[in-house]
Protein backbone atom coordinates (compact mmCIF):
# COMPACT_ATOMS: atom_id res chain seq x y z
CA MET A 1 -3.02 21.48 11.86
CA SER A 2 -3.07 24.28 9.23
CA GLN A 3 -6.16 24.52 7.04
CA HIS A 4 -3.77 23.68 4.04
CA HIS A 5 -2.94 20.35 5.62
CA LYS A 6 -6.43 19.58 6.48
CA GLU A 7 -7.47 20.09 2.99
CA ALA A 8 -4.51 17.90 1.79
CA ARG A 9 -6.31 14.94 3.25
CA PHE A 10 -8.31 14.54 0.14
CA ASN A 11 -6.46 16.78 -2.31
CA PRO A 12 -3.11 15.15 -2.91
CA LYS A 13 -1.92 17.98 -5.03
CA LEU A 14 -1.50 19.96 -1.93
CA ARG A 15 0.90 17.45 -0.37
CA THR A 16 3.79 18.25 -2.94
CA ASP A 17 5.32 20.83 -0.66
CA MET A 18 4.86 18.90 2.61
CA THR A 19 7.71 17.11 4.31
CA PRO A 20 7.34 13.38 5.38
CA GLN A 21 6.89 14.54 8.93
CA GLN A 22 4.11 16.83 7.90
CA ILE A 23 2.45 14.06 5.84
CA ALA A 24 2.65 11.77 8.99
CA GLU A 25 1.18 14.52 11.32
CA MET A 26 -1.64 15.07 8.79
CA PHE A 27 -2.65 11.40 9.04
CA ASP A 28 -2.18 11.48 12.91
CA ASP A 29 -4.73 14.23 13.02
CA PHE A 30 -6.99 12.30 10.64
CA ALA A 31 -6.91 9.14 12.76
CA ASP A 32 -10.07 9.60 14.74
CA ASP A 33 -12.37 10.42 11.83
CA TYR A 34 -10.61 8.50 9.06
CA ASP A 35 -12.91 5.58 9.08
CA GLU A 36 -16.08 7.68 8.86
CA GLU A 37 -14.75 9.97 6.18
CA VAL A 38 -13.34 7.22 3.86
CA LEU A 39 -16.36 5.00 4.10
CA GLU A 40 -18.54 7.86 3.31
CA LYS A 41 -16.41 8.22 0.12
CA GLY A 42 -17.18 4.52 -0.61
CA LEU A 43 -13.68 3.11 -0.28
CA ARG A 44 -13.48 -0.40 -1.49
CA ALA A 45 -9.80 -0.86 -2.41
CA HIS A 46 -9.27 -3.11 0.65
CA GLU A 47 -12.04 -5.39 -0.55
CA LEU A 48 -10.51 -5.71 -3.98
CA VAL A 49 -7.08 -6.61 -2.68
CA GLY A 50 -8.54 -9.04 -0.16
CA ASP A 51 -10.65 -10.84 -2.85
CA PHE A 52 -7.50 -10.93 -5.13
CA LEU A 53 -5.48 -12.61 -2.44
CA ALA A 54 -8.32 -15.01 -1.80
CA THR A 55 -8.26 -15.99 -5.41
CA THR A 56 -4.48 -16.38 -5.46
CA TYR A 57 -3.84 -18.30 -2.21
CA PRO A 58 -5.90 -21.39 -1.36
CA GLU A 59 -7.67 -21.26 1.89
CA SER A 60 -5.50 -24.13 3.26
CA ASP A 61 -2.32 -21.99 2.79
CA ARG A 62 -3.61 -18.55 4.14
CA SER A 63 -2.85 -19.10 7.90
CA SER A 64 0.86 -19.77 7.24
CA LEU A 65 1.62 -16.82 4.86
CA LYS A 66 3.23 -13.72 6.09
CA VAL A 67 1.64 -10.52 4.84
CA LEU A 68 2.76 -6.88 5.35
CA ASP A 69 0.05 -4.31 4.83
CA VAL A 70 1.84 -0.99 3.67
CA GLY A 71 -0.04 2.20 4.45
CA ALA A 72 -2.14 0.07 6.87
CA GLY A 73 -3.98 3.11 8.22
CA THR A 74 -6.70 2.14 10.70
CA GLY A 75 -6.84 -1.44 9.57
CA PHE A 76 -9.39 -1.96 6.70
CA VAL A 77 -7.04 -4.49 4.97
CA GLY A 78 -6.40 -6.31 8.04
CA LEU A 79 -9.95 -6.73 8.84
CA LYS A 80 -10.62 -8.00 5.39
CA LEU A 81 -7.61 -10.37 5.41
CA LYS A 82 -8.52 -11.78 8.80
CA ALA A 83 -12.06 -12.69 7.67
CA LEU A 84 -10.62 -14.51 4.68
CA GLY A 85 -8.15 -16.52 6.93
CA PHE A 86 -4.93 -14.73 6.71
CA THR A 87 -3.83 -14.64 10.27
CA TYR A 88 -0.12 -13.56 9.98
CA VAL A 89 -0.61 -9.88 8.99
CA ASP A 90 1.66 -7.03 10.07
CA ALA A 91 1.02 -3.33 9.59
CA LEU A 92 3.28 -0.58 8.39
CA ASP A 93 2.25 3.02 8.38
CA PRO A 94 4.08 6.35 9.04
CA ALA A 95 1.31 7.82 11.37
CA GLN A 96 1.46 6.39 14.86
CA LYS A 97 -2.10 7.33 15.82
CA MET A 98 -3.50 5.52 12.84
CA LEU A 99 -1.63 2.53 13.95
CA ASP A 100 -3.05 3.04 17.50
CA VAL A 101 -6.48 2.77 16.03
CA ALA A 102 -5.51 -0.35 13.94
CA LYS A 103 -4.09 -2.01 17.13
CA THR A 104 -7.57 -1.91 18.77
CA ARG A 105 -8.95 -4.14 15.91
CA ASN A 106 -6.70 -6.98 16.87
CA VAL A 107 -5.93 -8.10 13.36
CA TYR A 108 -2.17 -7.32 13.14
CA ARG A 109 0.77 -9.22 14.91
CA ARG A 110 3.14 -6.37 14.65
CA LEU A 111 2.68 -2.57 13.99
CA ILE A 112 5.55 -0.70 12.55
CA CYS A 113 5.65 3.07 12.40
CA ALA A 114 7.65 3.98 9.18
CA PHE A 115 7.27 5.12 5.75
CA MET A 116 7.95 2.63 2.89
CA ASP A 117 10.45 4.41 0.89
CA LYS A 118 14.05 4.00 -0.31
CA ASN A 119 15.27 3.55 3.28
CA ARG A 120 15.73 0.23 4.93
CA VAL A 121 13.20 -0.73 7.59
CA GLU A 122 15.61 -2.34 9.99
CA GLU A 123 12.76 -4.13 11.87
CA ILE A 124 12.04 -6.20 8.72
CA GLU A 125 14.43 -8.96 7.64
CA THR A 126 15.22 -9.68 3.82
CA ASP A 127 12.96 -12.17 2.30
CA PHE A 128 10.58 -12.34 5.34
CA TYR A 129 7.14 -11.68 3.83
CA ASP A 130 5.12 -13.85 1.27
CA CYS A 131 3.09 -10.85 0.17
CA ILE A 132 2.96 -7.10 0.55
CA THR A 133 -0.43 -5.35 0.19
CA ALA A 134 -1.02 -1.55 -0.33
CA THR A 135 -4.44 -0.01 -1.12
CA ALA A 136 -4.31 3.68 -0.63
CA ALA A 137 -0.68 4.16 -0.32
CA PHE A 138 0.30 4.81 -3.93
CA ASN A 139 -0.59 8.43 -3.51
CA GLU A 140 1.24 11.75 -3.50
CA GLY A 141 3.50 12.03 -0.37
CA LEU A 142 3.30 8.39 0.51
CA VAL A 143 4.95 5.41 -1.30
CA PRO A 144 7.44 6.71 -3.89
CA CYS A 145 8.76 4.74 -6.87
CA ASN A 146 12.02 4.04 -5.29
CA ALA A 147 10.37 2.09 -2.46
CA PHE A 148 10.11 -0.96 -4.86
CA ALA A 149 13.72 -1.76 -3.95
CA GLN A 150 12.82 -2.21 -0.34
CA MET A 151 9.58 -4.07 -1.16
CA ILE A 152 11.62 -6.57 -3.34
CA ARG A 153 13.96 -6.97 -0.53
CA ILE A 154 11.32 -7.74 2.08
CA VAL A 155 9.29 -10.10 -0.07
CA LYS A 156 10.54 -13.68 -0.68
CA PRO A 157 11.26 -14.77 -4.22
CA GLY A 158 8.04 -16.09 -5.42
CA GLY A 159 6.12 -13.67 -3.30
CA ARG A 160 3.89 -10.85 -4.51
CA ILE A 161 3.43 -7.07 -4.24
CA VAL A 162 -0.25 -6.31 -4.66
CA PHE A 163 -1.38 -2.83 -4.78
CA THR A 164 -4.10 -0.51 -6.25
CA ILE A 165 -3.67 2.81 -7.90
CA PRO A 166 -6.10 5.25 -9.38
CA GLN A 167 -5.50 6.10 -13.03
CA LYS A 168 -5.46 9.71 -12.21
CA ASN A 169 -2.49 9.17 -9.95
CA ILE A 170 -0.68 7.45 -12.62
CA ASN A 171 -1.43 10.29 -15.09
CA ASN A 172 -1.13 13.34 -12.65
CA ALA A 173 0.80 12.65 -9.48
CA VAL A 174 4.27 14.18 -9.70
CA GLU A 175 5.87 11.10 -8.09
CA TYR A 176 4.24 8.57 -10.68
CA ARG A 177 3.62 10.59 -13.99
CA ASP A 178 6.04 9.21 -16.66
CA ARG A 179 7.81 7.24 -13.89
CA LEU A 180 5.80 4.46 -12.41
CA LEU A 181 4.71 2.44 -15.45
CA PRO A 182 8.12 2.65 -17.24
CA LEU A 183 9.82 1.35 -13.98
CA ILE A 184 7.33 -1.53 -13.63
CA ASP A 185 8.02 -2.44 -17.23
CA LYS A 186 11.74 -2.08 -16.89
CA LEU A 187 11.93 -4.24 -13.86
CA ALA A 188 9.68 -6.85 -15.67
CA ALA A 189 12.09 -6.81 -18.68
CA GLU A 190 15.02 -7.47 -16.37
CA GLY A 191 13.31 -10.34 -14.73
CA ALA A 192 12.92 -8.89 -11.29
CA TRP A 193 9.08 -9.53 -11.43
CA GLU A 194 6.21 -10.87 -13.38
CA VAL A 195 3.46 -8.36 -13.87
CA THR A 196 -0.42 -8.84 -13.66
CA ALA A 197 -2.44 -5.69 -14.16
CA ILE A 198 -6.24 -5.79 -13.75
CA PRO A 199 -8.01 -2.79 -14.95
CA LEU A 200 -10.62 -1.30 -12.47
CA ALA A 201 -13.79 0.43 -13.64
CA ASP A 202 -14.88 3.89 -12.37
CA GLY A 203 -16.11 3.43 -8.88
CA GLN A 204 -14.44 0.09 -8.02
CA LEU A 205 -11.85 1.70 -5.83
CA ALA A 206 -14.16 4.41 -4.35
CA LYS A 207 -17.11 6.46 -5.36
CA SER A 208 -15.20 9.46 -6.75
CA LEU A 209 -11.71 7.97 -7.66
CA GLY A 210 -12.38 7.01 -11.35
CA PRO A 211 -10.92 4.01 -12.96
CA GLY A 212 -7.69 2.34 -11.74
CA ILE A 213 -5.44 -0.67 -11.79
CA LEU A 214 -4.81 -3.63 -9.43
CA TYR A 215 -1.24 -4.64 -9.82
CA SER A 216 0.26 -8.03 -8.68
CA LEU A 217 4.01 -8.11 -9.21
CA LYS A 218 5.35 -11.62 -8.46
CA VAL A 219 8.91 -11.13 -7.36
CA ASN A 220 11.62 -13.29 -8.72
CA VAL A 221 14.70 -11.98 -6.96
CA SER A 222 15.88 -11.51 -3.44
CA GLU A 223 17.10 -7.89 -3.99
CA LYS A 224 17.16 -5.46 -6.73
CA TYR A 225 18.84 -2.13 -7.28
CA PHE A 226 17.88 0.41 -9.92
CA GLU A 227 18.12 3.94 -10.95
CA ILE A 228 15.05 6.06 -11.75
């Protein structure tokens, strides 16, 4: 991998000229030392999402709920959810080597190598999951705004899309600046979902990420098409 792509691991601004294949290859090359590097940076987003789901779904219901972990990486969310009693969790990630590491943790039923974007993931039926989670996936070069159409298709009406995003990504990432929040508000106004937004203080997502937001989008429709 080029030095540019190595630096792009933790500098998303450098990903704007990378193709999806290059993004996936970057994370493939990152797989062996991903855990050590992100834990050193104090990653906590998976803890926040897991704790939110635990307050949302009673313990008696968790084993029957179907969850898709988008941008699953090496499996931090899967480990957290298993500890909380969620036993039907699938992983989706564009980097096969990251999924290979996640597989060793025995927390996912199915591992799907794909991007979550505007394209239909044929392996996933409409209205199949009760919840989608995404912790570090709303980042430059990963989940684009138009991916919400597929997320809505995949989640059952009444299900949720739960994700975290640093405020600096909302403000500065090319994909999200002046697009993400207006789209969330637009789809809420049209009745596609109901929005819960929980502000996160500096350091809650990770040591150096600054403040952010945890979103829970309660989906009301089976499918939704939109222009952005």
